[in-house]
Amino acid sequence: MMIHHVYRRDEPGRAPDDALWLAEDQRRLMLRREMAYHNKKLAAAAHRAGVVAPEDFSAFTNEGYKGLYGGLTARAMRQRRALPDAINLLDTMGSAELASNLFRATQTEQKMRRDAVRHKEDACRVHYFVGTKVRDAMRDLGGVMPEDLPVEEHIRAVRRRVQPPRGRVALKAL
């Protein structure tokens, strides 16, 4: 369980630096971009291993989630977090959870390449295995298990708040 101290801005010497909050937002934005990139690389590696049909890719993806989230699929995690099916779980993760998923994705892709995985069943096994190893590392380090981490503000809202508007909207603001 995470406990946050709420600071009042008018409390002398107690207000946190705004950069701390901005830093978390920036980390989330950067990690979410990295996840998008590495998920494409992971999908390409899965494709090379014979994961071609949409239902096979769904099974492959869920094996990684099941390894990392203690047997829970993406759908089960959305239900646990009371998120609609249309929401991508990655869009509501904090930086620590995104980082663990990024590690899972990069290490799965590299292991599949190193081991020359060429069958979809093997690809699923590797994805699950790597997910469990990331989970084990989190447990060994005394971290919060990923399924117990809180739902964060949707990444689109963070992007709107942090990044300046572009185009005509930006010109009208001047």
C-alpha atoms as a PDB file:
ATOM      1  CA  MET A   1       0.000   0.000   0.000  1.00  0.00           C
ATOM      2  CA  MET A   2       1.340   3.396  -0.958  1.00  0.00           C
ATOM      3  CA  ILE A   3       0.884   6.275   1.465  1.00  0.00           C
ATOM      4  CA  HIS A   4       1.229   9.796   0.186  1.00  0.00           C
ATOM      5  CA  HIS A   5       1.556  12.841   2.413  1.00  0.00           C
ATOM      6  CA  VAL A   6      -0.588  15.701   1.192  1.00  0.00           C
ATOM      7  CA  TYR A   7       1.226  19.008   1.445  1.00  0.00           C
ATOM      8  CA  ARG A   8      -0.520  22.341   1.661  1.00  0.00           C
ATOM      9  CA  ARG A   9       1.037  24.969  -0.542  1.00  0.00           C
ATOM     10  CA  ASP A  10       0.605  27.614   2.148  1.00  0.00           C
ATOM     11  CA  GLU A  11       2.529  25.526   4.669  1.00  0.00           C
ATOM     12  CA  PRO A  12       5.955  27.237   4.940  1.00  0.00           C
ATOM     13  CA  GLY A  13       8.836  25.021   3.956  1.00  0.00           C
ATOM     14  CA  ARG A  14       6.570  22.018   3.336  1.00  0.00           C
ATOM     15  CA  ALA A  15       5.423  22.403  -0.269  1.00  0.00           C
ATOM     16  CA  PRO A  16       6.990  19.801  -2.554  1.00  0.00           C
ATOM     17  CA  ASP A  17       8.865  20.949  -5.577  1.00  0.00           C
ATOM     18  CA  ASP A  18       6.511  21.017  -8.570  1.00  0.00           C
ATOM     19  CA  ALA A  19       9.317  19.345 -10.490  1.00  0.00           C
ATOM     20  CA  LEU A  20       8.664  16.138  -8.552  1.00  0.00           C
ATOM     21  CA  TRP A  21       5.159  15.891  -9.959  1.00  0.00           C
ATOM     22  CA  LEU A  22       6.301  17.024 -13.366  1.00  0.00           C
ATOM     23  CA  ALA A  23       9.090  14.455 -13.253  1.00  0.00           C
ATOM     24  CA  GLU A  24       6.590  11.602 -12.673  1.00  0.00           C
ATOM     25  CA  ASP A  25       4.418  12.855 -15.533  1.00  0.00           C
ATOM     26  CA  GLN A  26       7.450  13.121 -17.820  1.00  0.00           C
ATOM     27  CA  ARG A  27       8.614   9.627 -16.804  1.00  0.00           C
ATOM     28  CA  ARG A  28       5.175   8.202 -17.574  1.00  0.00           C
ATOM     29  CA  LEU A  29       5.073   9.915 -20.959  1.00  0.00           C
ATOM     30  CA  MET A  30       8.573   8.718 -21.855  1.00  0.00           C
ATOM     31  CA  LEU A  31       7.946   5.147 -20.659  1.00  0.00           C
ATOM     32  CA  ARG A  32       4.613   4.955 -22.472  1.00  0.00           C
ATOM     33  CA  ARG A  33       6.329   6.003 -25.728  1.00  0.00           C
ATOM     34  CA  GLU A  34       9.027   3.404 -25.096  1.00  0.00           C
ATOM     35  CA  MET A  35       6.364   0.748 -24.462  1.00  0.00           C
ATOM     36  CA  ALA A  36       4.693   1.553 -27.782  1.00  0.00           C
ATOM     37  CA  TYR A  37       8.032   1.192 -29.583  1.00  0.00           C
ATOM     38  CA  HIS A  38       9.104  -2.006 -27.825  1.00  0.00           C
ATOM     39  CA  ASN A  39       5.672  -3.594 -28.113  1.00  0.00           C
ATOM     40  CA  LYS A  40       6.086  -3.241 -31.891  1.00  0.00           C
ATOM     41  CA  LYS A  41       9.474  -4.948 -31.695  1.00  0.00           C
ATOM     42  CA  LEU A  42       7.997  -7.669 -29.488  1.00  0.00           C
ATOM     43  CA  ALA A  43       5.105  -8.132 -31.928  1.00  0.00           C
ATOM     44  CA  ALA A  44       7.604  -8.513 -34.792  1.00  0.00           C
ATOM     45  CA  ALA A  45       9.549 -11.130 -32.825  1.00  0.00           C
ATOM     46  CA  ALA A  46       6.294 -12.945 -32.040  1.00  0.00           C
ATOM     47  CA  HIS A  47       5.346 -12.832 -35.727  1.00  0.00           C
ATOM     48  CA  ARG A  48       8.692 -14.389 -36.676  1.00  0.00           C
ATOM     49  CA  ALA A  49       7.907 -17.147 -34.173  1.00  0.00           C
ATOM     50  CA  GLY A  50       4.598 -17.952 -35.848  1.00  0.00           C
ATOM     51  CA  VAL A  51       2.271 -15.784 -33.780  1.00  0.00           C
ATOM     52  CA  VAL A  52       0.236 -14.515 -36.726  1.00  0.00           C
ATOM     53  CA  ALA A  53      -3.514 -14.862 -36.145  1.00  0.00           C
ATOM     54  CA  PRO A  54      -5.162 -12.242 -33.901  1.00  0.00           C
ATOM     55  CA  GLU A  55      -6.254 -14.900 -31.400  1.00  0.00           C
ATOM     56  CA  ASP A  56      -2.666 -16.222 -31.246  1.00  0.00           C
ATOM     57  CA  PHE A  57      -1.321 -12.730 -30.639  1.00  0.00           C
ATOM     58  CA  SER A  58      -3.923 -12.197 -27.922  1.00  0.00           C
ATOM     59  CA  ALA A  59      -2.840 -15.457 -26.262  1.00  0.00           C
ATOM     60  CA  PHE A  60       0.832 -14.435 -26.570  1.00  0.00           C
ATOM     61  CA  THR A  61       0.144 -11.037 -24.979  1.00  0.00           C
ATOM     62  CA  ASN A  62      -1.829 -12.594 -22.156  1.00  0.00           C
ATOM     63  CA  GLU A  63       0.981 -15.025 -21.354  1.00  0.00           C
ATOM     64  CA  GLY A  64       3.257 -12.079 -20.614  1.00  0.00           C
ATOM     65  CA  TYR A  65       0.594 -10.465 -18.450  1.00  0.00           C
ATOM     66  CA  LYS A  66      -0.104 -13.755 -16.661  1.00  0.00           C
ATOM     67  CA  GLY A  67       3.569 -14.149 -15.820  1.00  0.00           C
ATOM     68  CA  LEU A  68       3.949 -10.597 -14.542  1.00  0.00           C
ATOM     69  CA  TYR A  69       0.544 -10.273 -12.866  1.00  0.00           C
ATOM     70  CA  GLY A  70       0.427 -13.575 -10.991  1.00  0.00           C
ATOM     71  CA  GLY A  71      -1.828 -15.430 -13.431  1.00  0.00           C
ATOM     72  CA  LEU A  72      -4.118 -12.510 -14.319  1.00  0.00           C
ATOM     73  CA  THR A  73      -4.877 -11.761 -17.965  1.00  0.00           C
ATOM     74  CA  ALA A  74      -5.240  -8.260 -19.383  1.00  0.00           C
ATOM     75  CA  ARG A  75      -9.022  -8.596 -19.187  1.00  0.00           C
ATOM     76  CA  ALA A  76      -8.832  -9.749 -15.557  1.00  0.00           C
ATOM     77  CA  MET A  77      -6.609  -6.772 -14.729  1.00  0.00           C
ATOM     78  CA  ARG A  78      -9.033  -4.361 -16.392  1.00  0.00           C
ATOM     79  CA  GLN A  79     -11.863  -5.903 -14.353  1.00  0.00           C
ATOM     80  CA  ARG A  80      -9.817  -5.767 -11.151  1.00  0.00           C
ATOM     81  CA  ARG A  81      -9.135  -2.083 -11.782  1.00  0.00           C
ATOM     82  CA  ALA A  82     -12.703  -1.361 -12.917  1.00  0.00           C
ATOM     83  CA  LEU A  83     -11.528  -0.197 -16.354  1.00  0.00           C
ATOM     84  CA  PRO A  84     -13.630  -0.615 -19.491  1.00  0.00           C
ATOM     85  CA  ASP A  85     -12.417  -3.051 -22.157  1.00  0.00           C
ATOM     86  CA  ALA A  86     -11.646  -0.152 -24.503  1.00  0.00           C
ATOM     87  CA  ILE A  87      -8.944   1.192 -22.163  1.00  0.00           C
ATOM     88  CA  ASN A  88      -5.382   0.011 -22.744  1.00  0.00           C
ATOM     89  CA  LEU A  89      -3.949  -0.977 -19.366  1.00  0.00           C
ATOM     90  CA  LEU A  90      -0.648   0.670 -20.240  1.00  0.00           C
ATOM     91  CA  ASP A  91      -2.400   4.042 -20.447  1.00  0.00           C
ATOM     92  CA  THR A  92      -3.336   3.955 -16.753  1.00  0.00           C
ATOM     93  CA  MET A  93      -0.048   2.710 -15.288  1.00  0.00           C
ATOM     94  CA  GLY A  94       2.392   4.709 -13.201  1.00  0.00           C
ATOM     95  CA  SER A  95       6.069   4.875 -14.061  1.00  0.00           C
ATOM     96  CA  ALA A  96       7.128   1.889 -11.911  1.00  0.00           C
ATOM     97  CA  GLU A  97       4.522  -0.383 -13.488  1.00  0.00           C
ATOM     98  CA  LEU A  98       5.316   0.868 -16.981  1.00  0.00           C
ATOM     99  CA  ALA A  99       9.011   0.227 -16.320  1.00  0.00           C
ATOM    100  CA  SER A 100       8.317  -3.353 -15.232  1.00  0.00           C
ATOM    101  CA  ASN A 101       6.265  -3.933 -18.376  1.00  0.00           C
ATOM    102  CA  LEU A 102       8.981  -2.344 -20.504  1.00  0.00           C
ATOM    103  CA  PHE A 103      11.550  -4.690 -18.957  1.00  0.00           C
ATOM    104  CA  ARG A 104       9.231  -7.655 -19.633  1.00  0.00           C
ATOM    105  CA  ALA A 105       8.777  -6.619 -23.270  1.00  0.00           C
ATOM    106  CA  THR A 106      12.448  -5.924 -24.008  1.00  0.00           C
ATOM    107  CA  GLN A 107      13.700  -9.058 -22.285  1.00  0.00           C
ATOM    108  CA  THR A 108      11.105 -11.279 -23.973  1.00  0.00           C
ATOM    109  CA  GLU A 109      12.026  -9.924 -27.394  1.00  0.00           C
ATOM    110  CA  GLN A 110      15.736 -10.430 -26.738  1.00  0.00           C
ATOM    111  CA  LYS A 111      15.294 -13.939 -25.325  1.00  0.00           C
ATOM    112  CA  MET A 112      13.137 -14.963 -28.286  1.00  0.00           C
ATOM    113  CA  ARG A 113      15.840 -13.700 -30.633  1.00  0.00           C
ATOM    114  CA  ARG A 114      18.705 -15.301 -28.663  1.00  0.00           C
ATOM    115  CA  ASP A 115      16.888 -18.644 -28.428  1.00  0.00           C
ATOM    116  CA  ALA A 116      15.730 -18.464 -32.072  1.00  0.00           C
ATOM    117  CA  VAL A 117      12.126 -19.155 -31.048  1.00  0.00           C
ATOM    118  CA  ARG A 118      10.200 -20.345 -34.121  1.00  0.00           C
ATOM    119  CA  HIS A 119       6.929 -21.750 -32.729  1.00  0.00           C
ATOM    120  CA  LYS A 120       4.024 -19.826 -31.267  1.00  0.00           C
ATOM    121  CA  GLU A 121       3.752 -22.205 -28.302  1.00  0.00           C
ATOM    122  CA  ASP A 122       7.414 -21.580 -27.450  1.00  0.00           C
ATOM    123  CA  ALA A 123       6.905 -17.840 -27.859  1.00  0.00           C
ATOM    124  CA  CYS A 124       4.041 -17.968 -25.350  1.00  0.00           C
ATOM    125  CA  ARG A 125       6.167 -19.987 -22.907  1.00  0.00           C
ATOM    126  CA  VAL A 126       9.051 -17.508 -23.176  1.00  0.00           C
ATOM    127  CA  HIS A 127       6.739 -14.527 -22.647  1.00  0.00           C
ATOM    128  CA  TYR A 128       5.209 -16.139 -19.553  1.00  0.00           C
ATOM    129  CA  PHE A 129       8.652 -17.140 -18.225  1.00  0.00           C
ATOM    130  CA  VAL A 130      10.082 -13.631 -18.596  1.00  0.00           C
ATOM    131  CA  GLY A 131       6.976 -12.156 -16.958  1.00  0.00           C
ATOM    132  CA  THR A 132       7.441 -14.437 -13.944  1.00  0.00           C
ATOM    133  CA  LYS A 133      11.117 -13.464 -13.681  1.00  0.00           C
ATOM    134  CA  VAL A 134      10.253  -9.753 -13.640  1.00  0.00           C
ATOM    135  CA  ARG A 135       7.598 -10.473 -11.005  1.00  0.00           C
ATOM    136  CA  ASP A 136      10.115 -12.470  -8.940  1.00  0.00           C
ATOM    137  CA  ALA A 137      12.570  -9.567  -9.063  1.00  0.00           C
ATOM    138  CA  MET A 138       9.882  -7.166  -7.857  1.00  0.00           C
ATOM    139  CA  ARG A 139       8.979  -9.517  -4.995  1.00  0.00           C
ATOM    140  CA  ASP A 140      12.638 -10.128  -4.082  1.00  0.00           C
ATOM    141  CA  LEU A 141      13.254  -6.388  -3.903  1.00  0.00           C
ATOM    142  CA  GLY A 142      10.271  -5.910  -1.609  1.00  0.00           C
ATOM    143  CA  GLY A 143       8.270  -3.996  -4.184  1.00  0.00           C
ATOM    144  CA  VAL A 144       4.533  -3.798  -4.587  1.00  0.00           C
ATOM    145  CA  MET A 145       3.211  -6.510  -6.883  1.00  0.00           C
ATOM    146  CA  PRO A 146       2.024  -4.974 -10.150  1.00  0.00           C
ATOM    147  CA  GLU A 147      -1.606  -6.071  -9.733  1.00  0.00           C
ATOM    148  CA  ASP A 148      -1.687  -4.115  -6.448  1.00  0.00           C
ATOM    149  CA  LEU A 149      -0.448  -0.843  -7.929  1.00  0.00           C
ATOM    150  CA  PRO A 150      -3.018   1.950  -8.229  1.00  0.00           C
ATOM    151  CA  VAL A 151      -4.738   3.088 -11.405  1.00  0.00           C
ATOM    152  CA  GLU A 152      -3.189   6.343 -12.533  1.00  0.00           C
ATOM    153  CA  GLU A 153      -4.593   9.223 -14.529  1.00  0.00           C
ATOM    154  CA  HIS A 154      -5.036   8.300 -18.199  1.00  0.00           C
ATOM    155  CA  ILE A 155      -1.917   9.121 -20.195  1.00  0.00           C
ATOM    156  CA  ARG A 156      -3.909  11.320 -22.624  1.00  0.00           C
ATOM    157  CA  ALA A 157      -4.884  13.627 -19.754  1.00  0.00           C
ATOM    158  CA  VAL A 158      -1.263  13.762 -18.598  1.00  0.00           C
ATOM    159  CA  ARG A 159      -0.134  14.575 -22.140  1.00  0.00           C
ATOM    160  CA  ARG A 160      -2.696  17.391 -22.428  1.00  0.00           C
ATOM    161  CA  ARG A 161      -1.672  18.836 -19.083  1.00  0.00           C
ATOM    162  CA  VAL A 162       2.110  18.627 -19.575  1.00  0.00           C
ATOM    163  CA  GLN A 163       2.681  19.225 -23.263  1.00  0.00           C
ATOM    164  CA  PRO A 164       1.876  22.617 -24.715  1.00  0.00           C
ATOM    165  CA  PRO A 165      -0.864  22.739 -27.346  1.00  0.00           C
ATOM    166  CA  ARG A 166       0.228  22.720 -30.970  1.00  0.00           C
ATOM    167  CA  GLY A 167      -1.109  24.309 -34.107  1.00  0.00           C
ATOM    168  CA  ARG A 168      -3.994  26.756 -34.187  1.00  0.00           C
ATOM    169  CA  VAL A 169      -4.886  26.227 -30.556  1.00  0.00           C
ATOM    170  CA  ALA A 170      -1.381  27.364 -29.563  1.00  0.00           C
ATOM    171  CA  LEU A 171      -1.631  30.468 -31.750  1.00  0.00           C
ATOM    172  CA  LYS A 172      -4.985  31.433 -30.260  1.00  0.00           C
ATOM    173  CA  ALA A 173      -3.478  31.202 -26.794  1.00  0.00           C
ATOM    174  CA  LEU A 174      -0.954  33.902 -27.702  1.00  0.00           C
END
